[in-house]
Amino acid sequence: MTTLILLLGLAQAAPASNKVEIVSVTGCLKEATPNNWTLTSATDPTPSSANAPAAKDIPTTAPIGKNAFKLIGVSEFNLPAHRDHTVVIKGLLIKAEPMSRLNMTSVTMVSPSCAPAPK
């Protein structure tokens, strides 16, 4: 009986897993170098599903954030069609320094231009 209690105590003390979250981020889509895409002036990531946002969830004005994300998994998306547009990107958030990455699951245009970067 003592062994069982001890094992339960160890299970409760186990560290949290490094779960990768699916998030939604809105920002300005930039191509730093050929096929090297970043999202600049991006909002803070918010928990989301992998699917493209519903029409009611697309911002009517381009929000301006202070984050930047390197985009990966971009080959499935026609990003050149959205270059220098404000977009909503959904994907798996990979926290890293100096820049976190988003492994994309969807891209949706918000505006055909980017708002000026915050000062």
C-alpha atoms as a PDB file:
ATOM      1  CA  MET A   1       0.000   0.000   0.000  1.00  0.00           C
ATOM      2  CA  THR A   2       2.845   2.387   0.803  1.00  0.00           C
ATOM      3  CA  THR A   3       4.364   1.748  -2.612  1.00  0.00           C
ATOM      4  CA  LEU A   4       1.132   2.728  -4.369  1.00  0.00           C
ATOM      5  CA  ILE A   5       0.904   6.022  -2.476  1.00  0.00           C
ATOM      6  CA  LEU A   6       4.530   6.777  -3.247  1.00  0.00           C
ATOM      7  CA  LEU A   7       3.991   6.125  -6.967  1.00  0.00           C
ATOM      8  CA  LEU A   8       0.922   8.367  -7.033  1.00  0.00           C
ATOM      9  CA  GLY A   9       2.941  11.119  -5.378  1.00  0.00           C
ATOM     10  CA  LEU A  10       5.639  10.791  -8.069  1.00  0.00           C
ATOM     11  CA  ALA A  11       3.061  10.922 -10.846  1.00  0.00           C
ATOM     12  CA  GLN A  12       1.636  14.155  -9.475  1.00  0.00           C
ATOM     13  CA  ALA A  13       5.100  15.719  -9.219  1.00  0.00           C
ATOM     14  CA  ALA A  14       5.957  14.955 -12.869  1.00  0.00           C
ATOM     15  CA  PRO A  15       6.792  18.090 -14.885  1.00  0.00           C
ATOM     16  CA  ALA A  16       4.272  19.417 -17.403  1.00  0.00           C
ATOM     17  CA  SER A  17       4.746  18.237 -20.971  1.00  0.00           C
ATOM     18  CA  ASN A  18       6.147  20.576 -23.625  1.00  0.00           C
ATOM     19  CA  LYS A  19       2.912  20.614 -25.598  1.00  0.00           C
ATOM     20  CA  VAL A  20       2.967  22.609 -28.826  1.00  0.00           C
ATOM     21  CA  GLU A  21      -0.062  24.881 -29.061  1.00  0.00           C
ATOM     22  CA  ILE A  22      -2.118  25.760 -32.132  1.00  0.00           C
ATOM     23  CA  VAL A  23      -2.490  29.523 -32.167  1.00  0.00           C
ATOM     24  CA  SER A  24      -3.821  32.372 -34.272  1.00  0.00           C
ATOM     25  CA  VAL A  25      -1.680  35.457 -34.969  1.00  0.00           C
ATOM     26  CA  THR A  26      -2.421  38.527 -37.105  1.00  0.00           C
ATOM     27  CA  GLY A  27       0.386  40.545 -38.678  1.00  0.00           C
ATOM     28  CA  CYS A  28       2.181  41.730 -41.802  1.00  0.00           C
ATOM     29  CA  LEU A  29       3.486  39.000 -44.130  1.00  0.00           C
ATOM     30  CA  LYS A  30       7.047  39.715 -45.315  1.00  0.00           C
ATOM     31  CA  GLU A  31       9.487  37.737 -47.455  1.00  0.00           C
ATOM     32  CA  ALA A  32      12.909  38.412 -45.892  1.00  0.00           C
ATOM     33  CA  THR A  33      14.767  36.426 -48.563  1.00  0.00           C
ATOM     34  CA  PRO A  34      13.365  34.080 -51.230  1.00  0.00           C
ATOM     35  CA  ASN A  35      11.134  31.497 -49.483  1.00  0.00           C
ATOM     36  CA  ASN A  36      12.034  32.870 -46.036  1.00  0.00           C
ATOM     37  CA  TRP A  37       8.779  34.282 -44.672  1.00  0.00           C
ATOM     38  CA  THR A  38       8.133  36.229 -41.482  1.00  0.00           C
ATOM     39  CA  LEU A  39       5.094  37.741 -39.841  1.00  0.00           C
ATOM     40  CA  THR A  40       5.966  41.185 -38.475  1.00  0.00           C
ATOM     41  CA  SER A  41       4.023  43.679 -36.328  1.00  0.00           C
ATOM     42  CA  ALA A  42       2.195  40.579 -35.134  1.00  0.00           C
ATOM     43  CA  THR A  43      -0.324  40.288 -32.344  1.00  0.00           C
ATOM     44  CA  ASP A  44       0.203  38.044 -29.347  1.00  0.00           C
ATOM     45  CA  PRO A  45      -0.634  34.405 -30.116  1.00  0.00           C
ATOM     46  CA  THR A  46      -4.098  33.294 -29.001  1.00  0.00           C
ATOM     47  CA  PRO A  47      -5.194  29.649 -28.644  1.00  0.00           C
ATOM     48  CA  SER A  48      -7.043  28.453 -31.727  1.00  0.00           C
ATOM     49  CA  SER A  49      -7.893  25.524 -33.963  1.00  0.00           C
ATOM     50  CA  ALA A  50      -5.872  24.571 -37.032  1.00  0.00           C
ATOM     51  CA  ASN A  51      -8.669  25.552 -39.429  1.00  0.00           C
ATOM     52  CA  ALA A  52      -8.917  28.867 -41.260  1.00  0.00           C
ATOM     53  CA  PRO A  53     -10.873  31.424 -39.202  1.00  0.00           C
ATOM     54  CA  ALA A  54     -14.589  31.886 -39.699  1.00  0.00           C
ATOM     55  CA  ALA A  55     -15.546  35.140 -41.430  1.00  0.00           C
ATOM     56  CA  LYS A  56     -16.800  36.562 -38.114  1.00  0.00           C
ATOM     57  CA  ASP A  57     -13.339  35.965 -36.556  1.00  0.00           C
ATOM     58  CA  ILE A  58     -11.382  37.936 -39.194  1.00  0.00           C
ATOM     59  CA  PRO A  59     -10.536  41.447 -37.919  1.00  0.00           C
ATOM     60  CA  THR A  60     -12.160  44.287 -39.865  1.00  0.00           C
ATOM     61  CA  THR A  61      -9.141  46.530 -39.235  1.00  0.00           C
ATOM     62  CA  ALA A  62      -5.533  45.423 -39.181  1.00  0.00           C
ATOM     63  CA  PRO A  63      -4.369  45.147 -35.565  1.00  0.00           C
ATOM     64  CA  ILE A  64      -0.771  46.147 -34.880  1.00  0.00           C
ATOM     65  CA  GLY A  65       1.363  44.074 -32.573  1.00  0.00           C
ATOM     66  CA  LYS A  66       5.003  44.082 -31.529  1.00  0.00           C
ATOM     67  CA  ASN A  67       5.881  40.429 -32.216  1.00  0.00           C
ATOM     68  CA  ALA A  68       7.644  38.718 -35.108  1.00  0.00           C
ATOM     69  CA  PHE A  69       7.462  35.058 -36.115  1.00  0.00           C
ATOM     70  CA  LYS A  70       9.409  32.977 -38.619  1.00  0.00           C
ATOM     71  CA  LEU A  71       6.955  30.973 -40.724  1.00  0.00           C
ATOM     72  CA  ILE A  72       7.682  27.330 -41.524  1.00  0.00           C
ATOM     73  CA  GLY A  73       5.694  24.748 -43.453  1.00  0.00           C
ATOM     74  CA  VAL A  74       5.004  27.424 -46.067  1.00  0.00           C
ATOM     75  CA  SER A  75       5.202  25.305 -49.242  1.00  0.00           C
ATOM     76  CA  GLU A  76       1.505  24.349 -49.033  1.00  0.00           C
ATOM     77  CA  PHE A  77       0.411  27.995 -49.176  1.00  0.00           C
ATOM     78  CA  ASN A  78       0.558  30.618 -51.927  1.00  0.00           C
ATOM     79  CA  LEU A  79       2.335  33.192 -49.759  1.00  0.00           C
ATOM     80  CA  PRO A  80       3.597  35.366 -52.664  1.00  0.00           C
ATOM     81  CA  ALA A  81      -0.067  36.245 -53.314  1.00  0.00           C
ATOM     82  CA  HIS A  82      -0.213  37.692 -49.767  1.00  0.00           C
ATOM     83  CA  ARG A  83       3.216  39.422 -49.646  1.00  0.00           C
ATOM     84  CA  ASP A  84       2.994  42.738 -47.725  1.00  0.00           C
ATOM     85  CA  HIS A  85      -0.627  42.045 -46.750  1.00  0.00           C
ATOM     86  CA  THR A  86      -2.079  41.852 -43.271  1.00  0.00           C
ATOM     87  CA  VAL A  87      -3.004  38.211 -42.680  1.00  0.00           C
ATOM     88  CA  VAL A  88      -4.220  35.835 -39.994  1.00  0.00           C
ATOM     89  CA  ILE A  89      -1.837  32.895 -39.682  1.00  0.00           C
ATOM     90  CA  LYS A  90      -2.802  29.796 -37.746  1.00  0.00           C
ATOM     91  CA  GLY A  91      -0.309  27.138 -36.829  1.00  0.00           C
ATOM     92  CA  LEU A  92       1.754  25.327 -34.244  1.00  0.00           C
ATOM     93  CA  LEU A  93       3.666  27.759 -32.033  1.00  0.00           C
ATOM     94  CA  ILE A  94       7.299  26.800 -31.470  1.00  0.00           C
ATOM     95  CA  LYS A  95       8.757  29.123 -28.841  1.00  0.00           C
ATOM     96  CA  ALA A  96      12.415  29.895 -29.534  1.00  0.00           C
ATOM     97  CA  GLU A  97      15.029  32.627 -29.264  1.00  0.00           C
ATOM     98  CA  PRO A  98      15.691  34.969 -30.945  1.00  0.00           C
ATOM     99  CA  MET A  99      12.442  34.421 -32.892  1.00  0.00           C
ATOM    100  CA  SER A 100       9.595  31.996 -32.286  1.00  0.00           C
ATOM    101  CA  ARG A 101       8.299  29.974 -35.250  1.00  0.00           C
ATOM    102  CA  LEU A 102       4.831  29.163 -36.546  1.00  0.00           C
ATOM    103  CA  ASN A 103       4.370  25.900 -38.446  1.00  0.00           C
ATOM    104  CA  MET A 104       1.485  27.074 -40.625  1.00  0.00           C
ATOM    105  CA  THR A 105      -1.902  25.376 -40.919  1.00  0.00           C
ATOM    106  CA  SER A 106      -3.779  28.248 -42.627  1.00  0.00           C
ATOM    107  CA  VAL A 107      -3.442  31.798 -43.957  1.00  0.00           C
ATOM    108  CA  THR A 108      -6.312  34.274 -44.407  1.00  0.00           C
ATOM    109  CA  MET A 109      -6.025  37.821 -45.771  1.00  0.00           C
ATOM    110  CA  VAL A 110      -7.296  40.657 -43.568  1.00  0.00           C
ATOM    111  CA  SER A 111      -6.125  43.638 -45.634  1.00  0.00           C
ATOM    112  CA  PRO A 112      -4.213  44.101 -48.944  1.00  0.00           C
ATOM    113  CA  SER A 113      -1.711  46.323 -47.115  1.00  0.00           C
ATOM    114  CA  CYS A 114       0.140  46.443 -43.825  1.00  0.00           C
ATOM    115  CA  ALA A 115      -0.412  49.064 -41.173  1.00  0.00           C
ATOM    116  CA  PRO A 116       2.639  51.156 -40.226  1.00  0.00           C
ATOM    117  CA  ALA A 117       4.822  49.408 -37.639  1.00  0.00           C
ATOM    118  CA  PRO A 118       4.406  50.576 -34.044  1.00  0.00           C
ATOM    119  CA  LYS A 119       6.999  53.041 -32.754  1.00  0.00           C
END
